[in-house]
């Protein structure tokens, strides 16, 4: 067991949220694994202008922390972090501290804080400004040891790890937020039409997870019932095709539609018909649903694929035959990997179709917003799609073991620890 980023994907909060922009800069952006400091790329937090603005992360339990790495914004405003305080505590209110230190060096673009051996024990990490200003963070990595996890965890693809680019359980939609209270009832705030008010209520509760698309929410109960709220056209409140029966196990989304997978592998869709809210395959036995911005695709145990949604985004022309093991997506296209290592792509010709690889022997596919990269068993790489998003200029040679991505670029790791990056 080695050191890992203990903060990755953990629950983060901040003193306020800057809501005067089309991008909603939530606290979770600082623990999403993306160190991109450009605000418009949707990976940077931002509070209101206030006194003592703060951000904190809950590691889930007490951990041994060896260092903290803070990534600053790179598009502007770096000086806002010219003076800040870092605290570690086992109390959510930071009434006591195991570590607290003021810093007067601006992260440019990052600051690594090495803690004295043997590290500090704590569950919560907090960053706070001592004066009036905005607090904005690109990423906060809390490095330490956790006996329940291995050091090498694959967070590789920005677009393909969770079934699609728009699936966001327990996250905000474009203009509203929803969250669970301690008793598992639901609270929401933000735009009323997008679900910021009139949340579902139930005497027996039993809610397990909240899902969102751009302007609506759906919540799943332990018995598999689904309740929706938010914009009607996006599958929200009183959506005519929303499921009323029980037995559903997961919900997936495009920008304006939802798809629910039942225990028997049947699929129910609702929302905008042009974004996958209509045309789902009948029958049962489907195992998982994948999505891009306006289309869905699903796999059966025999490796056959069905797709539906907007034709330009891959809602038609899914590959025939069997033997596919996984589907990956950019914002506008799909790529499917076969057991023999061959790849089939479909969707928008400009963003992920042209110059796709032929042949066999590929073991994994990764994606940015508009490009794919495939890794072969010999460690060679093939990239295709929008050149500005990493669809060209992949490194030559062999011996690469893994590829990582953000929205517009890739980075490949070799066994000797060397790295090659390409894209924007």
Protein backbone atom coordinates (compact mmCIF):
# COMPACT_ATOMS: atom_id res chain seq x y z
CA UNK A 1 0.00 0.00 0.00
CA UNK A 2 1.43 3.37 -1.00
CA UNK A 3 0.33 6.98 -0.90
CA UNK A 4 -2.84 7.91 -2.77
CA UNK A 5 -4.98 10.99 -3.23
CA UNK A 6 -7.39 10.59 -0.32
CA UNK A 7 -9.56 13.50 -1.46
CA UNK A 8 -10.42 12.21 -4.95
CA UNK A 9 -14.20 12.02 -5.37
CA UNK A 10 -14.89 12.76 -1.70
CA UNK A 11 -17.64 15.08 -0.42
CA UNK A 12 -16.54 18.71 -0.59
CA UNK A 13 -18.27 21.89 0.56
CA UNK A 14 -17.55 25.60 0.40
CA UNK A 15 -18.77 28.77 2.10
CA UNK A 16 -20.80 29.89 -0.92
CA UNK A 17 -21.13 29.35 -4.67
CA UNK A 18 -20.63 32.02 -7.31
CA UNK A 19 -23.88 31.84 -9.30
CA UNK A 20 -23.40 34.72 -11.72
CA UNK A 21 -22.14 32.63 -14.62
CA UNK A 22 -23.51 29.84 -16.84
CA UNK A 23 -20.97 27.51 -15.21
CA UNK A 24 -21.88 26.45 -11.67
CA UNK A 25 -18.49 26.20 -9.86
CA UNK A 26 -19.34 23.61 -7.19
CA UNK A 27 -16.95 22.53 -4.43
CA UNK A 28 -16.66 19.05 -5.96
CA UNK A 29 -14.69 20.45 -8.89
CA UNK A 30 -11.63 20.59 -6.61
CA UNK A 31 -11.72 16.81 -6.02
CA UNK A 32 -12.66 15.61 -9.53
CA UNK A 33 -9.13 14.53 -10.46
CA UNK A 34 -8.76 17.35 -13.00
CA UNK A 35 -6.07 19.94 -12.22
CA UNK A 36 -7.06 22.19 -15.13
CA UNK A 37 -7.08 25.76 -13.80
CA UNK A 38 -9.08 27.31 -16.64
CA UNK A 39 -12.49 28.31 -15.25
CA UNK A 40 -14.48 27.75 -18.45
CA UNK A 41 -13.39 24.09 -18.55
CA UNK A 42 -15.69 23.36 -15.60
CA UNK A 43 -13.12 22.08 -13.13
CA UNK A 44 -12.59 25.09 -10.86
CA UNK A 45 -14.44 26.07 -7.67
CA UNK A 46 -15.54 29.65 -7.00
CA UNK A 47 -17.14 31.29 -3.96
CA UNK A 48 -18.84 34.65 -3.72
CA UNK A 49 -16.89 37.74 -2.70
CA UNK A 50 -16.99 37.43 1.09
CA UNK A 51 -14.95 37.61 4.27
CA UNK A 52 -13.21 34.37 5.25
CA UNK A 53 -14.28 32.36 2.21
CA UNK A 54 -13.51 28.66 2.74
CA UNK A 55 -13.50 25.25 1.08
CA UNK A 56 -13.24 21.87 2.81
CA UNK A 57 -13.29 18.14 2.04
CA UNK A 58 -14.48 15.22 4.15
CA UNK A 59 -12.15 12.23 3.69
CA UNK A 60 -14.81 9.90 5.12
CA UNK A 61 -12.84 8.81 8.17
CA UNK A 62 -9.64 9.69 9.99
CA UNK A 63 -6.64 9.31 7.68
CA UNK A 64 -2.89 9.72 7.88
CA UNK A 65 -2.04 12.75 5.74
CA UNK A 66 1.51 13.24 4.45
CA UNK A 67 1.12 16.24 2.16
CA UNK A 68 -1.43 18.53 0.57
CA UNK A 69 -1.15 19.83 -3.00
CA UNK A 70 -3.15 22.92 -3.94
CA UNK A 71 -3.68 23.79 -7.63
CA UNK A 72 -4.52 27.40 -8.42
CA UNK A 73 -6.44 28.96 -11.30
CA UNK A 74 -4.32 29.57 -14.40
CA UNK A 75 -6.59 31.79 -16.52
CA UNK A 76 -6.58 34.71 -14.08
CA UNK A 77 -6.86 35.76 -10.45
CA UNK A 78 -3.95 33.70 -9.07
CA UNK A 79 -3.20 36.43 -6.52
CA UNK A 80 -6.41 35.62 -4.65
CA UNK A 81 -4.40 32.77 -3.09
CA UNK A 82 -1.54 35.03 -2.01
CA UNK A 83 -2.54 34.52 1.64
CA UNK A 84 -4.51 31.52 2.89
CA UNK A 85 -4.75 29.12 5.81
CA UNK A 86 -4.74 25.31 5.69
CA UNK A 87 -6.25 23.30 8.55
CA UNK A 88 -6.68 19.60 9.36
CA UNK A 89 -9.21 18.41 11.92
CA UNK A 90 -11.22 15.42 13.09
CA UNK A 91 -14.20 17.73 13.68
CA UNK A 92 -16.38 19.04 10.86
CA UNK A 93 -16.60 22.45 12.57
CA UNK A 94 -12.81 22.60 13.07
CA UNK A 95 -13.28 23.31 16.77
CA UNK A 96 -9.96 21.51 17.28
CA UNK A 97 -7.01 21.09 14.91
CA UNK A 98 -4.30 18.54 14.32
CA UNK A 99 -2.64 21.01 11.93
CA UNK A 100 -3.07 24.67 11.05
CA UNK A 101 -0.70 26.91 9.10
CA UNK A 102 -0.82 30.24 7.25
CA UNK A 103 0.80 30.51 3.81
CA UNK A 104 1.94 33.64 1.96
CA UNK A 105 3.21 32.04 -1.27
CA UNK A 106 0.84 32.00 -4.24
CA UNK A 107 0.49 28.55 -5.88
CA UNK A 108 1.85 29.04 -9.41
CA UNK A 109 0.20 26.90 -10.53
CA UNK A 110 0.50 24.60 -7.51
CA UNK A 111 1.79 24.54 -3.96
CA UNK A 112 2.93 21.33 -2.25
CA UNK A 113 2.69 21.36 1.53
CA UNK A 114 4.87 18.66 3.07
CA UNK A 115 3.75 17.67 6.56
CA UNK A 116 6.29 16.61 9.16
CA UNK A 117 6.83 12.86 9.56
CA UNK A 118 4.95 10.73 10.44
CA UNK A 119 2.20 12.88 8.92
CA UNK A 120 -0.95 14.32 10.47
CA UNK A 121 -4.13 12.48 11.44
CA UNK A 122 -7.41 13.99 10.33
CA UNK A 123 -10.72 13.53 8.55
CA UNK A 124 -11.33 17.08 7.31
CA UNK A 125 -9.06 19.43 5.35
CA UNK A 126 -9.94 23.11 5.03
CA UNK A 127 -8.57 26.02 3.00
CA UNK A 128 -9.67 29.49 4.09
CA UNK A 129 -8.92 33.10 3.18
CA UNK A 130 -8.31 35.52 6.08
CA UNK A 131 -9.69 38.61 4.31
CA UNK A 132 -12.36 39.73 1.85
CA UNK A 133 -12.04 37.99 -1.53
CA UNK A 134 -13.22 35.18 -3.77
CA UNK A 135 -11.82 31.69 -3.16
CA UNK A 136 -11.22 29.65 -6.30
CA UNK A 137 -9.40 26.31 -6.49
CA UNK A 138 -8.57 24.10 -9.47
CA UNK A 139 -7.79 20.97 -7.43
CA UNK A 140 -6.84 19.93 -3.90
CA UNK A 141 -4.98 16.65 -3.51
CA UNK A 142 -4.66 15.23 0.00
CA UNK A 143 -1.87 12.67 -0.20
CA UNK A 144 -1.68 9.93 2.40
CA UNK A 145 -2.02 6.24 3.09
CA UNK A 146 -5.22 4.23 3.27
CA UNK A 147 -4.92 0.50 4.06
CA UNK A 148 -8.18 -0.18 2.23
CA UNK A 149 -6.91 1.08 -1.14
CA UNK A 150 -4.02 0.40 -3.47
CA UNK A 151 -1.81 3.25 -4.56
CA UNK A 152 -2.43 2.75 -8.29
CA UNK A 153 -6.07 3.41 -9.14
CA UNK A 154 -7.16 4.07 -12.70
CA UNK A 155 -9.03 7.35 -13.04
CA UNK A 156 -8.02 7.44 -16.66
CA UNK A 157 -10.82 8.69 -18.83
CA UNK A 158 -12.56 11.98 -18.26
CA UNK A 159 -15.52 10.87 -20.35
CA UNK A 160 -15.88 7.10 -20.14
CA UNK A 161 -15.60 5.94 -16.55
CA UNK A 162 -19.22 6.38 -15.51
CA UNK A 163 -21.27 5.34 -18.51
CA UNK A 164 -21.35 8.66 -20.32
CA UNK A 165 -20.34 12.29 -20.32
CA UNK A 166 -23.56 13.53 -18.78
CA UNK A 167 -24.24 11.05 -15.97
CA UNK A 168 -23.84 12.97 -12.74
CA UNK A 169 -25.36 11.28 -9.69
CA UNK A 170 -25.57 13.58 -6.68
CA UNK A 171 -24.32 16.59 -8.61
CA UNK A 172 -25.96 19.83 -9.70
CA UNK A 173 -27.67 20.25 -13.03
CA UNK A 174 -27.04 23.45 -14.99
CA UNK A 175 -29.12 25.79 -12.83
CA UNK A 176 -30.18 23.89 -9.69
CA UNK A 177 -28.82 21.71 -6.91
CA UNK A 178 -30.23 18.69 -5.09
CA UNK A 179 -28.84 16.87 -2.07
CA UNK A 180 -29.75 14.38 0.63
CA UNK A 181 -30.26 15.43 4.23
CA UNK A 182 -29.08 13.19 7.08
CA UNK A 183 -32.52 11.51 7.21
CA UNK A 184 -32.34 10.84 3.43
CA UNK A 185 -35.05 13.37 2.61
CA UNK A 186 -34.23 15.65 -0.32
CA UNK A 187 -33.48 19.35 -0.39
CA UNK A 188 -33.00 21.43 -3.54
CA UNK A 189 -32.27 25.03 -4.45
CA UNK A 190 -31.63 27.13 -7.53
CA UNK A 191 -33.84 27.60 -10.58
CA UNK A 192 -37.41 26.54 -9.80
CA UNK A 193 -38.06 25.29 -13.35
CA UNK A 194 -34.91 23.13 -13.24
CA UNK A 195 -35.80 21.43 -9.97
CA UNK A 196 -34.64 23.93 -7.37
CA UNK A 197 -37.96 23.68 -5.55
CA UNK A 198 -40.84 21.24 -4.94
CA UNK A 199 -38.69 18.18 -4.34
CA UNK A 200 -40.31 14.75 -3.95
CA UNK A 201 -41.50 13.78 -0.49
CA UNK A 202 -42.51 10.39 0.86
CA UNK A 203 -43.47 9.05 4.25
CA UNK A 204 -41.33 5.95 3.91
CA UNK A 205 -38.47 7.77 2.10
CA UNK A 206 -36.03 5.06 0.95
CA UNK A 207 -34.26 7.30 -1.56
CA UNK A 208 -30.80 6.02 -2.51
CA UNK A 209 -29.34 8.22 -5.27
CA UNK A 210 -30.08 11.43 -7.16
CA UNK A 211 -29.35 11.76 -10.89
CA UNK A 212 -29.48 14.78 -13.17
CA UNK A 213 -29.43 15.96 -16.74
CA UNK A 214 -29.10 19.62 -17.73
CA UNK A 215 -32.43 20.84 -16.31
CA UNK A 216 -34.09 17.99 -14.41
CA UNK A 217 -33.53 15.47 -11.61
CA UNK A 218 -34.51 11.85 -11.01
CA UNK A 219 -34.20 9.97 -7.72
CA UNK A 220 -34.11 6.20 -7.23
CA UNK A 221 -35.61 4.38 -4.22
CA UNK A 222 -34.51 1.11 -2.64
CA UNK A 223 -37.53 -0.67 -4.16
CA UNK A 224 -36.61 0.59 -7.62
CA UNK A 225 -39.27 3.29 -7.89
CA UNK A 226 -38.28 6.52 -9.66
CA UNK A 227 -39.47 10.06 -8.95
CA UNK A 228 -38.63 13.01 -11.21
CA UNK A 229 -38.76 16.78 -10.87
CA UNK A 230 -37.54 19.80 -12.78
CA UNK A 231 -38.16 20.86 -16.36
CA UNK A 232 -40.89 18.81 -18.05
CA UNK A 233 -39.23 18.87 -21.50
CA UNK A 234 -36.08 17.36 -19.99
CA UNK A 235 -37.89 14.53 -18.22
CA UNK A 236 -38.70 16.34 -14.99
CA UNK A 237 -41.95 16.81 -13.11
CA UNK A 238 -44.97 15.05 -14.61
CA UNK A 239 -42.97 13.83 -17.61
CA UNK A 240 -45.51 11.71 -19.51
CA UNK A 241 -43.22 8.73 -20.17
CA UNK A 242 -41.44 8.59 -16.81
CA UNK A 243 -41.64 5.10 -15.25
CA UNK A 244 -44.33 4.46 -12.64
CA UNK A 245 -43.45 0.85 -11.82
CA UNK A 246 -40.68 -0.43 -9.51
CA UNK A 247 -37.64 -2.64 -10.02
CA UNK A 248 -35.17 -0.20 -11.56
CA UNK A 249 -31.51 -0.41 -10.52
CA UNK A 250 -29.79 2.52 -12.25
CA UNK A 251 -30.48 5.73 -14.15
CA UNK A 252 -28.43 7.24 -16.99
CA UNK A 253 -28.76 10.57 -18.79
CA UNK A 254 -28.03 12.63 -21.86
CA UNK A 255 -28.35 16.42 -21.77
CA UNK A 256 -32.16 16.31 -21.80
CA UNK A 257 -33.34 12.71 -21.34
CA UNK A 258 -33.13 9.85 -18.87
CA UNK A 259 -32.85 6.07 -19.30
CA UNK A 260 -33.51 3.60 -16.49
CA UNK A 261 -32.28 0.00 -16.38
CA UNK A 262 -34.52 -2.55 -14.63
CA UNK A 263 -33.49 -5.70 -12.74
CA UNK A 264 -34.52 -7.86 -15.71
CA UNK A 265 -32.38 -5.78 -18.08
CA UNK A 266 -35.26 -3.94 -19.72
CA UNK A 267 -34.97 -0.21 -20.44
CA UNK A 268 -37.38 2.69 -19.92
CA UNK A 269 -36.65 6.16 -21.34
CA UNK A 270 -38.26 9.57 -20.99
CA UNK A 271 -37.53 13.23 -21.70
CA UNK A 272 -36.57 14.92 -24.97
CA UNK A 273 -37.20 12.48 -27.83
CA UNK A 274 -34.34 13.94 -29.89
CA UNK A 275 -31.85 13.23 -27.09
CA UNK A 276 -32.77 9.64 -26.37
CA UNK A 277 -36.09 10.09 -24.59
CA UNK A 278 -37.74 7.85 -27.18
CA UNK A 279 -36.78 4.78 -29.21
CA UNK A 280 -35.12 2.55 -26.60
CA UNK A 281 -34.86 -1.14 -27.52
CA UNK A 282 -37.60 -3.46 -26.31
CA UNK A 283 -36.99 -6.74 -24.54
CA UNK A 284 -34.77 -7.51 -21.57
CA UNK A 285 -31.26 -8.72 -20.78
CA UNK A 286 -29.35 -5.46 -21.27
CA UNK A 287 -26.50 -5.04 -18.78
CA UNK A 288 -25.44 -1.38 -18.97
CA UNK A 289 -26.30 1.88 -20.67
CA UNK A 290 -23.79 4.42 -22.01
CA UNK A 291 -24.43 7.97 -23.21
CA UNK A 292 -23.05 11.02 -24.91
CA UNK A 293 -24.73 14.41 -25.15
CA UNK A 294 -27.76 13.33 -27.18
CA UNK A 295 -27.72 9.54 -27.63
CA UNK A 296 -27.67 6.31 -25.65
CA UNK A 297 -26.12 2.90 -26.37
CA UNK A 298 -26.55 -0.37 -24.49
CA UNK A 299 -24.89 -3.79 -24.33
CA UNK A 300 -26.29 -7.31 -23.99
CA UNK A 301 -24.38 -10.22 -22.40
CA UNK A 302 -23.63 -11.60 -25.88
CA UNK A 303 -21.87 -8.36 -26.78
CA UNK A 304 -24.48 -6.99 -29.17
CA UNK A 305 -25.22 -3.25 -29.19
CA UNK A 306 -28.36 -1.16 -29.56
CA UNK A 307 -28.32 2.64 -29.86
CA UNK A 308 -30.99 5.33 -29.95
CA UNK A 309 -31.30 9.11 -29.79
CA UNK A 310 -30.14 11.87 -32.12
CA UNK A 311 -28.79 10.36 -35.39
CA UNK A 312 -25.94 12.87 -35.59
CA UNK A 313 -24.67 11.79 -32.15
CA UNK A 314 -24.76 8.03 -32.72
CA UNK A 315 -28.43 7.24 -32.19
CA UNK A 316 -28.28 5.18 -35.40
CA UNK A 317 -25.72 3.00 -37.20
CA UNK A 318 -24.47 1.14 -34.13
CA UNK A 319 -22.21 -1.78 -35.14
CA UNK A 320 -23.88 -5.09 -35.89
CA UNK A 321 -22.74 -8.45 -34.61
CA UNK A 322 -21.67 -9.67 -31.18
CA UNK A 323 -18.57 -9.84 -29.03
CA UNK A 324 -18.31 -6.22 -27.89
CA UNK A 325 -17.17 -5.84 -24.28
CA UNK A 326 -17.46 -2.11 -23.54
CA UNK A 327 -18.67 1.16 -25.03
CA UNK A 328 -16.88 4.50 -24.65
CA UNK A 329 -18.07 7.99 -25.54
CA UNK A 330 -17.00 11.48 -26.41
CA UNK A 331 -19.59 14.25 -26.28
CA UNK A 332 -20.70 13.43 -29.83
CA UNK A 333 -19.71 9.84 -30.69
CA UNK A 334 -19.31 6.28 -29.44
CA UNK A 335 -16.55 3.68 -29.74
CA UNK A 336 -17.02 -0.02 -28.95
CA UNK A 337 -14.23 -2.45 -28.11
CA UNK A 338 -14.48 -6.12 -29.11
CA UNK A 339 -13.04 -9.08 -27.26
CA UNK A 340 -10.50 -9.54 -30.08
CA UNK A 341 -9.27 -5.96 -29.64
CA UNK A 342 -10.91 -4.45 -32.71
CA UNK A 343 -12.78 -1.15 -32.53
CA UNK A 344 -15.95 0.16 -34.15
CA UNK A 345 -16.99 3.82 -33.99
CA UNK A 346 -20.17 5.70 -34.86
CA UNK A 347 -21.71 9.14 -34.34
CA UNK A 348 -20.54 12.60 -35.41
CA UNK A 349 -18.04 12.24 -38.30
CA UNK A 350 -16.02 15.26 -37.18
CA UNK A 351 -15.60 14.27 -33.54
CA UNK A 352 -14.52 10.68 -33.25
CA UNK A 353 -15.22 8.83 -36.50
CA UNK A 354 -12.58 9.80 -39.05
CA UNK A 355 -9.25 7.95 -38.95
CA UNK A 356 -10.43 5.43 -36.37
CA UNK A 357 -8.02 2.49 -35.98
CA UNK A 358 -8.31 -0.73 -37.92
CA UNK A 359 -6.90 -4.07 -36.94
CA UNK A 360 -6.97 -5.88 -33.60
CA UNK A 361 -5.06 -6.01 -30.35
CA UNK A 362 -6.39 -2.90 -28.62
CA UNK A 363 -7.02 -3.33 -24.89
CA UNK A 364 -8.62 -0.06 -23.79
CA UNK A 365 -10.09 3.19 -25.12
CA UNK A 366 -9.92 6.62 -23.50
CA UNK A 367 -11.61 9.88 -24.45
CA UNK A 368 -11.65 13.64 -24.18
CA UNK A 369 -14.65 15.77 -25.14
CA UNK A 370 -14.11 15.31 -28.89
CA UNK A 371 -11.41 12.65 -29.39
CA UNK A 372 -10.52 9.05 -28.61
CA UNK A 373 -7.22 7.32 -27.87
CA UNK A 374 -6.77 3.53 -27.90
CA UNK A 375 -4.00 1.55 -26.24
CA UNK A 376 -2.66 -1.68 -27.78
CA UNK A 377 -1.32 -4.70 -25.97
CA UNK A 378 2.21 -3.78 -27.13
CA UNK A 379 1.85 -0.33 -25.57
CA UNK A 380 1.41 1.63 -28.79
CA UNK A 381 -1.25 4.34 -29.09
CA UNK A 382 -3.69 5.40 -31.79
CA UNK A 383 -5.66 8.65 -31.45
CA UNK A 384 -8.46 10.03 -33.60
CA UNK A 385 -11.16 12.71 -33.58
CA UNK A 386 -10.81 16.48 -33.19
CA UNK A 387 -7.06 17.35 -33.35
CA UNK A 388 -7.59 20.22 -30.90
CA UNK A 389 -8.85 17.73 -28.30
CA UNK A 390 -6.10 15.14 -28.70
CA UNK A 391 -7.26 13.43 -31.88
CA UNK A 392 -3.83 13.86 -33.49
CA UNK A 393 -0.14 13.79 -32.59
CA UNK A 394 -0.26 10.84 -30.21
CA UNK A 395 3.25 9.68 -29.23
CA UNK A 396 4.96 7.10 -31.43
CA UNK A 397 6.59 3.95 -30.17
CA UNK A 398 5.54 1.25 -27.75
CA UNK A 399 5.69 0.51 -24.05
CA UNK A 400 2.94 2.81 -22.78
CA UNK A 401 0.91 1.27 -19.96
CA UNK A 402 -1.90 3.71 -19.34
CA UNK A 403 -3.56 6.83 -20.75
CA UNK A 404 -5.15 9.64 -18.75
CA UNK A 405 -7.36 12.44 -20.05
CA UNK A 406 -9.07 15.68 -19.23
CA UNK A 407 -11.54 17.56 -21.45
CA UNK A 408 -9.08 18.51 -24.19
CA UNK A 409 -5.84 16.55 -23.78
CA UNK A 410 -4.31 13.13 -23.15
CA UNK A 411 -1.25 11.99 -21.22
CA UNK A 412 0.33 8.54 -21.56
CA UNK A 413 2.47 6.81 -18.95
CA UNK A 414 5.34 4.40 -19.68
CA UNK A 415 6.57 1.61 -17.45
CA UNK A 416 9.73 3.63 -16.70
CA UNK A 417 7.59 6.50 -15.38
CA UNK A 418 8.08 8.84 -18.32
CA UNK A 419 5.06 10.76 -19.65
CA UNK A 420 4.01 12.06 -23.06
CA UNK A 421 1.11 14.47 -23.46
CA UNK A 422 -0.81 15.75 -26.47
CA UNK A 423 -3.90 17.80 -27.26
CA UNK A 424 -4.76 21.36 -26.31
